[in-house]
């Protein structure tokens, strides 16, 4: 894989002949069609991506892991993940992209978001047969988009209910409903503000709860505390910049809120057991192999 090193990780929309790609788009890709995106460079999206592989092979590199799906599978990506398509044009699959706002006003608790924490799930034939009617209905209704966007949104929610059910069947998730909405709020806030807000109190204030209560919520829902959640998000961004760009290590630290390069190095080593430069070298070596 050719890793293009840049000063920034670009953000690309999904190419489309329509004007509402950021809101919702569904495309059926066939064998030999080539790349569904017009770039082979690593990049991010602002939208959610759901791929349903029906036949063939697709390879997607997401953050620091290569996913090779053969036959039937679901591939999911959330906004901000660094993505690169490998070996394009060898698959029959449905590609769905949508912006979070398209569903938030029509979904009560937004639990559909949780499944995007996983990037790939292999399917069996029965699973795919359950999904195909929803995919075909979405394609049909999309022809009249945006006039009937409410219908499309509810069909998408129904499809996401089905994919979530499949994830529960194949990788059971322990339900913890008591704090699910607070956890969703915290996770969303961290995603938006982790570069500038690094303390638990920053988020507790925005959520109108105490820092202690926020820690209790995160601990019950994830098994870790709120500060660790914030630090892990900062760490993920540092890893992305170290791998995908040629920024100096000090600049990577500055981008995630560390003005002192030495402090960033200590932070990185504390959480990974490696110095940033060693992580960078080893990851590039692993990917090249």
C-alpha atoms as a PDB file:
ATOM      1  CA  UNK A   1       0.000   0.000   0.000  1.00  0.00           C
ATOM      2  CA  UNK A   2       1.310   3.415  -0.918  1.00  0.00           C
ATOM      3  CA  UNK A   3       1.085   5.733   2.059  1.00  0.00           C
ATOM      4  CA  UNK A   4       0.911   9.356   0.927  1.00  0.00           C
ATOM      5  CA  UNK A   5       2.421  11.640   3.566  1.00  0.00           C
ATOM      6  CA  UNK A   6       0.970  15.132   3.799  1.00  0.00           C
ATOM      7  CA  UNK A   7       0.657  18.078   6.120  1.00  0.00           C
ATOM      8  CA  UNK A   8      -3.078  17.469   6.551  1.00  0.00           C
ATOM      9  CA  UNK A   9      -5.473  14.545   6.324  1.00  0.00           C
ATOM     10  CA  UNK A  10      -7.959  15.712   3.665  1.00  0.00           C
ATOM     11  CA  UNK A  11     -11.719  15.530   4.120  1.00  0.00           C
ATOM     12  CA  UNK A  12     -13.601  14.379   1.008  1.00  0.00           C
ATOM     13  CA  UNK A  13     -17.292  14.074   0.206  1.00  0.00           C
ATOM     14  CA  UNK A  14     -18.574  10.994  -1.601  1.00  0.00           C
ATOM     15  CA  UNK A  15     -18.821  11.856  -5.324  1.00  0.00           C
ATOM     16  CA  UNK A  16     -22.424  11.999  -6.499  1.00  0.00           C
ATOM     17  CA  UNK A  17     -24.569  13.398  -9.276  1.00  0.00           C
ATOM     18  CA  UNK A  18     -27.002  14.693  -6.656  1.00  0.00           C
ATOM     19  CA  UNK A  19     -26.871  17.834  -4.534  1.00  0.00           C
ATOM     20  CA  UNK A  20     -27.655  16.126  -1.243  1.00  0.00           C
ATOM     21  CA  UNK A  21     -24.753  13.712  -0.803  1.00  0.00           C
ATOM     22  CA  UNK A  22     -23.937  15.052   2.684  1.00  0.00           C
ATOM     23  CA  UNK A  23     -27.492  14.388   3.819  1.00  0.00           C
ATOM     24  CA  UNK A  24     -28.067  10.918   2.392  1.00  0.00           C
ATOM     25  CA  UNK A  25     -26.918   8.883  -0.578  1.00  0.00           C
ATOM     26  CA  UNK A  26     -27.302   5.263  -1.660  1.00  0.00           C
ATOM     27  CA  UNK A  27     -25.459   3.702  -4.589  1.00  0.00           C
ATOM     28  CA  UNK A  28     -25.309   0.140  -5.873  1.00  0.00           C
ATOM     29  CA  UNK A  29     -21.781  -0.666  -7.014  1.00  0.00           C
ATOM     30  CA  UNK A  30     -21.178  -3.447  -9.525  1.00  0.00           C
ATOM     31  CA  UNK A  31     -18.168  -5.496 -10.617  1.00  0.00           C
ATOM     32  CA  UNK A  32     -15.607  -3.576 -12.666  1.00  0.00           C
ATOM     33  CA  UNK A  33     -17.043  -0.196 -11.720  1.00  0.00           C
ATOM     34  CA  UNK A  34     -13.773   0.996 -10.212  1.00  0.00           C
ATOM     35  CA  UNK A  35     -13.400   3.206  -7.189  1.00  0.00           C
ATOM     36  CA  UNK A  36     -16.569   4.527  -5.634  1.00  0.00           C
ATOM     37  CA  UNK A  37     -14.511   7.577  -4.652  1.00  0.00           C
ATOM     38  CA  UNK A  38     -12.337   9.506  -7.073  1.00  0.00           C
ATOM     39  CA  UNK A  39      -9.314   9.408  -4.820  1.00  0.00           C
ATOM     40  CA  UNK A  40      -6.916   6.696  -3.754  1.00  0.00           C
ATOM     41  CA  UNK A  41      -5.429   8.889  -1.039  1.00  0.00           C
ATOM     42  CA  UNK A  42      -6.156   8.365   2.664  1.00  0.00           C
ATOM     43  CA  UNK A  43      -8.855  10.786   3.781  1.00  0.00           C
ATOM     44  CA  UNK A  44     -11.704  11.418   6.196  1.00  0.00           C
ATOM     45  CA  UNK A  45     -15.437  11.990   5.843  1.00  0.00           C
ATOM     46  CA  UNK A  46     -17.880  14.101   7.841  1.00  0.00           C
ATOM     47  CA  UNK A  47     -20.609  11.512   7.308  1.00  0.00           C
ATOM     48  CA  UNK A  48     -21.381   7.932   8.366  1.00  0.00           C
ATOM     49  CA  UNK A  49     -20.704   5.169   5.831  1.00  0.00           C
ATOM     50  CA  UNK A  50     -22.447   1.812   5.629  1.00  0.00           C
ATOM     51  CA  UNK A  51     -21.350  -0.747   3.025  1.00  0.00           C
ATOM     52  CA  UNK A  52     -23.263  -3.980   2.434  1.00  0.00           C
ATOM     53  CA  UNK A  53     -21.096  -6.393   0.469  1.00  0.00           C
ATOM     54  CA  UNK A  54     -23.251  -8.880  -1.496  1.00  0.00           C
ATOM     55  CA  UNK A  55     -20.627 -10.613  -3.649  1.00  0.00           C
ATOM     56  CA  UNK A  56     -16.920 -10.384  -4.380  1.00  0.00           C
ATOM     57  CA  UNK A  57     -14.133  -8.827  -2.360  1.00  0.00           C
ATOM     58  CA  UNK A  58     -13.589  -5.388  -0.896  1.00  0.00           C
ATOM     59  CA  UNK A  59     -10.561  -4.153   1.031  1.00  0.00           C
ATOM     60  CA  UNK A  60     -10.827  -1.044   3.153  1.00  0.00           C
ATOM     61  CA  UNK A  61      -8.076   0.445   5.282  1.00  0.00           C
ATOM     62  CA  UNK A  62      -9.672   2.187   8.263  1.00  0.00           C
ATOM     63  CA  UNK A  63      -7.446   4.034  10.710  1.00  0.00           C
ATOM     64  CA  UNK A  64      -4.668   1.494  11.357  1.00  0.00           C
ATOM     65  CA  UNK A  65      -6.287  -1.738  10.271  1.00  0.00           C
ATOM     66  CA  UNK A  66      -6.909  -3.361   6.893  1.00  0.00           C
ATOM     67  CA  UNK A  67     -10.311  -5.034   6.518  1.00  0.00           C
ATOM     68  CA  UNK A  68     -10.665  -7.607   3.758  1.00  0.00           C
ATOM     69  CA  UNK A  69     -14.243  -8.792   3.295  1.00  0.00           C
ATOM     70  CA  UNK A  70     -15.073 -11.691   0.980  1.00  0.00           C
ATOM     71  CA  UNK A  71     -18.539 -12.834  -0.042  1.00  0.00           C
ATOM     72  CA  UNK A  72     -20.956 -11.033   2.278  1.00  0.00           C
ATOM     73  CA  UNK A  73     -20.219  -8.470   4.974  1.00  0.00           C
ATOM     74  CA  UNK A  74     -21.125  -5.154   6.572  1.00  0.00           C
ATOM     75  CA  UNK A  75     -18.476  -2.434   6.748  1.00  0.00           C
ATOM     76  CA  UNK A  76     -19.145   0.628   8.900  1.00  0.00           C
ATOM     77  CA  UNK A  77     -17.278   3.903   9.274  1.00  0.00           C
ATOM     78  CA  UNK A  78     -18.026   6.836  11.514  1.00  0.00           C
ATOM     79  CA  UNK A  79     -17.138  10.479  10.763  1.00  0.00           C
ATOM     80  CA  UNK A  80     -13.493  11.367  11.247  1.00  0.00           C
ATOM     81  CA  UNK A  81     -12.020   7.920  10.683  1.00  0.00           C
ATOM     82  CA  UNK A  82      -9.107   7.864   8.249  1.00  0.00           C
ATOM     83  CA  UNK A  83     -10.003   5.698   5.297  1.00  0.00           C
ATOM     84  CA  UNK A  84      -8.453   4.345   2.104  1.00  0.00           C
ATOM     85  CA  UNK A  85     -10.026   1.982  -0.411  1.00  0.00           C
ATOM     86  CA  UNK A  86      -7.769  -0.837  -1.644  1.00  0.00           C
ATOM     87  CA  UNK A  87      -8.330  -3.083  -4.677  1.00  0.00           C
ATOM     88  CA  UNK A  88     -11.425  -1.331  -6.009  1.00  0.00           C
ATOM     89  CA  UNK A  89     -13.939  -2.706  -8.499  1.00  0.00           C
ATOM     90  CA  UNK A  90     -14.067  -6.335  -7.367  1.00  0.00           C
ATOM     91  CA  UNK A  91     -17.386  -6.262  -5.564  1.00  0.00           C
ATOM     92  CA  UNK A  92     -21.140  -6.009  -5.810  1.00  0.00           C
ATOM     93  CA  UNK A  93     -22.213  -3.893  -2.870  1.00  0.00           C
ATOM     94  CA  UNK A  94     -24.512  -1.165  -1.636  1.00  0.00           C
ATOM     95  CA  UNK A  95     -22.889   2.031  -0.405  1.00  0.00           C
ATOM     96  CA  UNK A  96     -24.903   4.256   1.943  1.00  0.00           C
ATOM     97  CA  UNK A  97     -23.654   7.554   3.330  1.00  0.00           C
ATOM     98  CA  UNK A  98     -25.565   9.937   5.563  1.00  0.00           C
ATOM     99  CA  UNK A  99     -25.043  12.898   7.814  1.00  0.00           C
ATOM    100  CA  UNK A 100     -25.914  12.541  11.500  1.00  0.00           C
ATOM    101  CA  UNK A 101     -28.459  15.372  11.336  1.00  0.00           C
ATOM    102  CA  UNK A 102     -30.467  13.389   8.797  1.00  0.00           C
ATOM    103  CA  UNK A 103     -31.454  10.933  11.536  1.00  0.00           C
ATOM    104  CA  UNK A 104     -31.124  12.836  14.806  1.00  0.00           C
ATOM    105  CA  UNK A 105     -34.452  14.645  14.491  1.00  0.00           C
ATOM    106  CA  UNK A 106     -36.238  11.369  13.665  1.00  0.00           C
ATOM    107  CA  UNK A 107     -34.586   9.029  16.168  1.00  0.00           C
ATOM    108  CA  UNK A 108     -35.546   8.961  19.838  1.00  0.00           C
ATOM    109  CA  UNK A 109     -32.346   7.776  21.532  1.00  0.00           C
ATOM    110  CA  UNK A 110     -29.816   7.592  18.656  1.00  0.00           C
ATOM    111  CA  UNK A 111     -28.720   4.102  19.718  1.00  0.00           C
ATOM    112  CA  UNK A 112     -27.969   3.336  16.055  1.00  0.00           C
ATOM    113  CA  UNK A 113     -24.664   5.216  16.524  1.00  0.00           C
ATOM    114  CA  UNK A 114     -23.204   2.505  18.735  1.00  0.00           C
ATOM    115  CA  UNK A 115     -22.810  -0.024  15.941  1.00  0.00           C
ATOM    116  CA  UNK A 116     -20.368   2.314  14.179  1.00  0.00           C
ATOM    117  CA  UNK A 117     -17.840   1.573  16.905  1.00  0.00           C
ATOM    118  CA  UNK A 118     -17.257  -1.665  14.973  1.00  0.00           C
ATOM    119  CA  UNK A 119     -15.834  -1.548  11.455  1.00  0.00           C
ATOM    120  CA  UNK A 120     -16.677  -4.935   9.928  1.00  0.00           C
ATOM    121  CA  UNK A 121     -19.056  -7.846  10.416  1.00  0.00           C
ATOM    122  CA  UNK A 122     -19.080 -10.927   8.122  1.00  0.00           C
ATOM    123  CA  UNK A 123     -22.573 -12.040   7.059  1.00  0.00           C
ATOM    124  CA  UNK A 124     -24.174 -15.323   6.114  1.00  0.00           C
ATOM    125  CA  UNK A 125     -26.701 -15.713   3.305  1.00  0.00           C
ATOM    126  CA  UNK A 126     -29.713 -15.493   5.643  1.00  0.00           C
ATOM    127  CA  UNK A 127     -28.426 -12.189   7.049  1.00  0.00           C
ATOM    128  CA  UNK A 128     -28.082 -10.675   3.591  1.00  0.00           C
ATOM    129  CA  UNK A 129     -31.569 -11.828   2.584  1.00  0.00           C
ATOM    130  CA  UNK A 130     -32.943  -9.978   5.616  1.00  0.00           C
ATOM    131  CA  UNK A 131     -31.232  -6.760   4.542  1.00  0.00           C
ATOM    132  CA  UNK A 132     -31.901  -6.764   0.794  1.00  0.00           C
ATOM    133  CA  UNK A 133     -35.610  -5.702   0.961  1.00  0.00           C
ATOM    134  CA  UNK A 134     -34.634  -2.601   2.952  1.00  0.00           C
ATOM    135  CA  UNK A 135     -31.827  -1.774   0.548  1.00  0.00           C
ATOM    136  CA  UNK A 136     -34.089  -2.118  -2.484  1.00  0.00           C
ATOM    137  CA  UNK A 137     -36.802   0.018  -0.864  1.00  0.00           C
ATOM    138  CA  UNK A 138     -34.231   2.678  -0.021  1.00  0.00           C
ATOM    139  CA  UNK A 139     -33.044   2.750  -3.610  1.00  0.00           C
ATOM    140  CA  UNK A 140     -36.606   3.070  -4.895  1.00  0.00           C
ATOM    141  CA  UNK A 141     -37.559   5.873  -2.504  1.00  0.00           C
ATOM    142  CA  UNK A 142     -34.281   7.676  -3.073  1.00  0.00           C
ATOM    143  CA  UNK A 143     -35.298   8.350  -6.658  1.00  0.00           C
ATOM    144  CA  UNK A 144     -37.754  10.949  -5.339  1.00  0.00           C
ATOM    145  CA  UNK A 145     -35.384  12.440  -2.791  1.00  0.00           C
ATOM    146  CA  UNK A 146     -35.540  15.067  -1.274  1.00  0.00           C
ATOM    147  CA  UNK A 147     -39.338  15.256  -1.681  1.00  0.00           C
ATOM    148  CA  UNK A 148     -39.816  12.129   0.422  1.00  0.00           C
ATOM    149  CA  UNK A 149     -36.745  12.419   2.678  1.00  0.00           C
ATOM    150  CA  UNK A 150     -38.835  11.514   5.754  1.00  0.00           C
ATOM    151  CA  UNK A 151     -39.710   8.142   4.206  1.00  0.00           C
ATOM    152  CA  UNK A 152     -36.058   7.571   3.319  1.00  0.00           C
ATOM    153  CA  UNK A 153     -34.941   8.484   6.843  1.00  0.00           C
ATOM    154  CA  UNK A 154     -37.356   6.017   8.450  1.00  0.00           C
ATOM    155  CA  UNK A 155     -36.312   3.267   6.038  1.00  0.00           C
ATOM    156  CA  UNK A 156     -32.678   3.987   6.903  1.00  0.00           C
ATOM    157  CA  UNK A 157     -33.492   3.764  10.617  1.00  0.00           C
ATOM    158  CA  UNK A 158     -35.210   0.427  10.000  1.00  0.00           C
ATOM    159  CA  UNK A 159     -32.146  -0.840   8.107  1.00  0.00           C
ATOM    160  CA  UNK A 160     -29.886   0.276  10.948  1.00  0.00           C
ATOM    161  CA  UNK A 161     -32.123  -1.563  13.416  1.00  0.00           C
ATOM    162  CA  UNK A 162     -31.593  -4.709  11.339  1.00  0.00           C
ATOM    163  CA  UNK A 163     -27.814  -4.258  11.131  1.00  0.00           C
ATOM    164  CA  UNK A 164     -27.678  -3.597  14.877  1.00  0.00           C
ATOM    165  CA  UNK A 165     -29.617  -6.807  15.484  1.00  0.00           C
ATOM    166  CA  UNK A 166     -27.073  -8.714  13.407  1.00  0.00           C
ATOM    167  CA  UNK A 167     -24.241  -7.172  15.397  1.00  0.00           C
ATOM    168  CA  UNK A 168     -25.961  -8.268  18.606  1.00  0.00           C
ATOM    169  CA  UNK A 169     -26.329 -11.821  17.272  1.00  0.00           C
ATOM    170  CA  UNK A 170     -22.723 -12.167  16.130  1.00  0.00           C
ATOM    171  CA  UNK A 171     -21.011  -9.977  18.758  1.00  0.00           C
ATOM    172  CA  UNK A 172     -23.346  -9.669  21.758  1.00  0.00           C
ATOM    173  CA  UNK A 173     -23.378  -6.255  23.428  1.00  0.00           C
ATOM    174  CA  UNK A 174     -24.281  -5.852  27.081  1.00  0.00           C
ATOM    175  CA  UNK A 175     -27.189  -3.403  27.293  1.00  0.00           C
ATOM    176  CA  UNK A 176     -26.815  -0.598  29.836  1.00  0.00           C
ATOM    177  CA  UNK A 177     -29.770   1.648  29.240  1.00  0.00           C
ATOM    178  CA  UNK A 178     -29.753   3.719  32.426  1.00  0.00           C
ATOM    179  CA  UNK A 179     -27.074   6.147  31.285  1.00  0.00           C
ATOM    180  CA  UNK A 180     -27.132   5.556  27.520  1.00  0.00           C
ATOM    181  CA  UNK A 181     -28.333   9.067  26.627  1.00  0.00           C
ATOM    182  CA  UNK A 182     -25.811  10.789  28.924  1.00  0.00           C
ATOM    183  CA  UNK A 183     -23.048   8.620  27.485  1.00  0.00           C
ATOM    184  CA  UNK A 184     -24.115   9.554  23.963  1.00  0.00           C
ATOM    185  CA  UNK A 185     -24.023  13.247  24.857  1.00  0.00           C
ATOM    186  CA  UNK A 186     -20.573  12.921  26.395  1.00  0.00           C
ATOM    187  CA  UNK A 187     -19.198  10.951  23.434  1.00  0.00           C
ATOM    188  CA  UNK A 188     -20.581  13.523  20.966  1.00  0.00           C
ATOM    189  CA  UNK A 189     -19.132  16.424  22.945  1.00  0.00           C
ATOM    190  CA  UNK A 190     -15.725  14.763  23.158  1.00  0.00           C
ATOM    191  CA  UNK A 191     -15.739  14.186  19.407  1.00  0.00           C
ATOM    192  CA  UNK A 192     -16.419  17.900  18.840  1.00  0.00           C
ATOM    193  CA  UNK A 193     -14.167  19.434  21.507  1.00  0.00           C
ATOM    194  CA  UNK A 194     -11.351  17.015  22.397  1.00  0.00           C
ATOM    195  CA  UNK A 195      -8.708  19.256  20.825  1.00  0.00           C
ATOM    196  CA  UNK A 196      -9.535  22.195  23.091  1.00  0.00           C
ATOM    197  CA  UNK A 197     -11.360  20.695  26.106  1.00  0.00           C
ATOM    198  CA  UNK A 198      -9.193  18.176  27.920  1.00  0.00           C
ATOM    199  CA  UNK A 199     -10.647  18.058  31.432  1.00  0.00           C
ATOM    200  CA  UNK A 200     -13.689  16.176  32.737  1.00  0.00           C
ATOM    201  CA  UNK A 201     -15.035  19.390  34.267  1.00  0.00           C
ATOM    202  CA  UNK A 202     -15.219  20.979  30.798  1.00  0.00           C
ATOM    203  CA  UNK A 203     -17.736  18.361  29.692  1.00  0.00           C
ATOM    204  CA  UNK A 204     -19.597  18.073  32.975  1.00  0.00           C
ATOM    205  CA  UNK A 205     -20.306  21.798  32.779  1.00  0.00           C
ATOM    206  CA  UNK A 206     -21.688  21.498  29.247  1.00  0.00           C
ATOM    207  CA  UNK A 207     -23.908  18.594  30.346  1.00  0.00           C
ATOM    208  CA  UNK A 208     -25.114  20.382  33.527  1.00  0.00           C
ATOM    209  CA  UNK A 209     -23.963  17.562  35.796  1.00  0.00           C
ATOM    210  CA  UNK A 210     -21.118  17.180  38.276  1.00  0.00           C
ATOM    211  CA  UNK A 211     -17.724  15.786  37.299  1.00  0.00           C
ATOM    212  CA  UNK A 212     -18.254  12.945  39.768  1.00  0.00           C
ATOM    213  CA  UNK A 213     -21.568  11.979  38.203  1.00  0.00           C
ATOM    214  CA  UNK A 214     -20.044  12.108  34.716  1.00  0.00           C
ATOM    215  CA  UNK A 215     -17.263   9.794  35.850  1.00  0.00           C
ATOM    216  CA  UNK A 216     -19.857   7.399  37.293  1.00  0.00           C
ATOM    217  CA  UNK A 217     -21.772   7.408  33.986  1.00  0.00           C
ATOM    218  CA  UNK A 218     -18.698   6.676  31.859  1.00  0.00           C
ATOM    219  CA  UNK A 219     -17.434   4.061  34.315  1.00  0.00           C
ATOM    220  CA  UNK A 220     -20.736   2.168  34.256  1.00  0.00           C
ATOM    221  CA  UNK A 221     -21.115   2.357  30.476  1.00  0.00           C
ATOM    222  CA  UNK A 222     -17.530   1.642  29.407  1.00  0.00           C
ATOM    223  CA  UNK A 223     -15.547   0.372  32.373  1.00  0.00           C
ATOM    224  CA  UNK A 224     -13.158   3.330  32.219  1.00  0.00           C
ATOM    225  CA  UNK A 225     -13.346   6.877  33.589  1.00  0.00           C
ATOM    226  CA  UNK A 226     -14.186  10.076  31.746  1.00  0.00           C
ATOM    227  CA  UNK A 227     -10.616  11.400  31.676  1.00  0.00           C
ATOM    228  CA  UNK A 228      -9.365   8.176  30.113  1.00  0.00           C
ATOM    229  CA  UNK A 229     -12.076   8.472  27.444  1.00  0.00           C
ATOM    230  CA  UNK A 230     -10.950  12.022  26.612  1.00  0.00           C
ATOM    231  CA  UNK A 231      -7.280  11.043  26.595  1.00  0.00           C
ATOM    232  CA  UNK A 232      -7.939   8.052  24.316  1.00  0.00           C
ATOM    233  CA  UNK A 233      -9.648  10.306  21.784  1.00  0.00           C
ATOM    234  CA  UNK A 234      -6.695  12.700  21.815  1.00  0.00           C
ATOM    235  CA  UNK A 235      -4.340   9.744  21.493  1.00  0.00           C
ATOM    236  CA  UNK A 236      -6.227   8.397  18.474  1.00  0.00           C
ATOM    237  CA  UNK A 237      -5.886  11.745  16.706  1.00  0.00           C
ATOM    238  CA  UNK A 238      -2.177  11.824  17.493  1.00  0.00           C
ATOM    239  CA  UNK A 239      -1.746   8.339  16.019  1.00  0.00           C
ATOM    240  CA  UNK A 240      -3.617   9.353  12.879  1.00  0.00           C
ATOM    241  CA  UNK A 241      -1.413  12.411  12.385  1.00  0.00           C
ATOM    242  CA  UNK A 242       1.779  10.490  13.126  1.00  0.00           C
ATOM    243  CA  UNK A 243       0.910   7.833  10.557  1.00  0.00           C
ATOM    244  CA  UNK A 244      -0.809   9.738   7.772  1.00  0.00           C
ATOM    245  CA  UNK A 245       1.125  13.023   7.730  1.00  0.00           C
ATOM    246  CA  UNK A 246       4.737  14.123   7.778  1.00  0.00           C
ATOM    247  CA  UNK A 247       4.213  16.677  10.521  1.00  0.00           C
ATOM    248  CA  UNK A 248       7.033  16.978  13.063  1.00  0.00           C
ATOM    249  CA  UNK A 249       6.256  15.241  16.335  1.00  0.00           C
ATOM    250  CA  UNK A 250       6.158  18.546  18.207  1.00  0.00           C
ATOM    251  CA  UNK A 251       3.535  19.844  15.772  1.00  0.00           C
ATOM    252  CA  UNK A 252       1.444  16.700  16.212  1.00  0.00           C
ATOM    253  CA  UNK A 253       1.492  17.348  19.943  1.00  0.00           C
ATOM    254  CA  UNK A 254       0.528  20.972  19.454  1.00  0.00           C
ATOM    255  CA  UNK A 255      -2.408  19.962  17.265  1.00  0.00           C
ATOM    256  CA  UNK A 256      -3.905  17.911  20.077  1.00  0.00           C
ATOM    257  CA  UNK A 257      -3.321  20.530  22.752  1.00  0.00           C
ATOM    258  CA  UNK A 258       0.275  20.070  23.990  1.00  0.00           C
ATOM    259  CA  UNK A 259       2.379  23.214  23.632  1.00  0.00           C
ATOM    260  CA  UNK A 260       5.354  21.450  25.247  1.00  0.00           C
ATOM    261  CA  UNK A 261       6.691  18.616  22.995  1.00  0.00           C
ATOM    262  CA  UNK A 262       8.208  16.854  26.020  1.00  0.00           C
ATOM    263  CA  UNK A 263       4.813  16.758  27.731  1.00  0.00           C
ATOM    264  CA  UNK A 264       3.253  15.265  24.609  1.00  0.00           C
ATOM    265  CA  UNK A 265       5.993  12.605  24.449  1.00  0.00           C
ATOM    266  CA  UNK A 266       5.356  11.659  28.091  1.00  0.00           C
ATOM    267  CA  UNK A 267       1.598  11.540  27.476  1.00  0.00           C
ATOM    268  CA  UNK A 268       2.040   9.319  24.405  1.00  0.00           C
ATOM    269  CA  UNK A 269       4.460   6.930  26.097  1.00  0.00           C
ATOM    270  CA  UNK A 270       2.260   6.667  29.193  1.00  0.00           C
ATOM    271  CA  UNK A 271      -0.695   5.498  27.096  1.00  0.00           C
ATOM    272  CA  UNK A 272       1.091   3.381  24.465  1.00  0.00           C
ATOM    273  CA  UNK A 273       4.356   2.291  26.050  1.00  0.00           C
ATOM    274  CA  UNK A 274       6.187   3.780  23.053  1.00  0.00           C
ATOM    275  CA  UNK A 275       7.760   7.065  22.089  1.00  0.00           C
ATOM    276  CA  UNK A 276       5.905   8.763  19.208  1.00  0.00           C
ATOM    277  CA  UNK A 277       8.811   8.246  16.787  1.00  0.00           C
ATOM    278  CA  UNK A 278       9.017   4.529  17.603  1.00  0.00           C
ATOM    279  CA  UNK A 279       5.263   4.122  17.108  1.00  0.00           C
ATOM    280  CA  UNK A 280       5.527   5.884  13.750  1.00  0.00           C
ATOM    281  CA  UNK A 281       8.396   3.678  12.532  1.00  0.00           C
ATOM    282  CA  UNK A 282       6.857   0.407  13.672  1.00  0.00           C
ATOM    283  CA  UNK A 283       3.428   1.130  12.218  1.00  0.00           C
ATOM    284  CA  UNK A 284       4.835   2.076   8.820  1.00  0.00           C
ATOM    285  CA  UNK A 285       6.962  -1.080   8.838  1.00  0.00           C
ATOM    286  CA  UNK A 286       3.949  -3.244   9.736  1.00  0.00           C
ATOM    287  CA  UNK A 287       1.751  -1.725   7.038  1.00  0.00           C
ATOM    288  CA  UNK A 288       4.428  -2.065   4.360  1.00  0.00           C
ATOM    289  CA  UNK A 289       4.729  -5.794   5.184  1.00  0.00           C
END
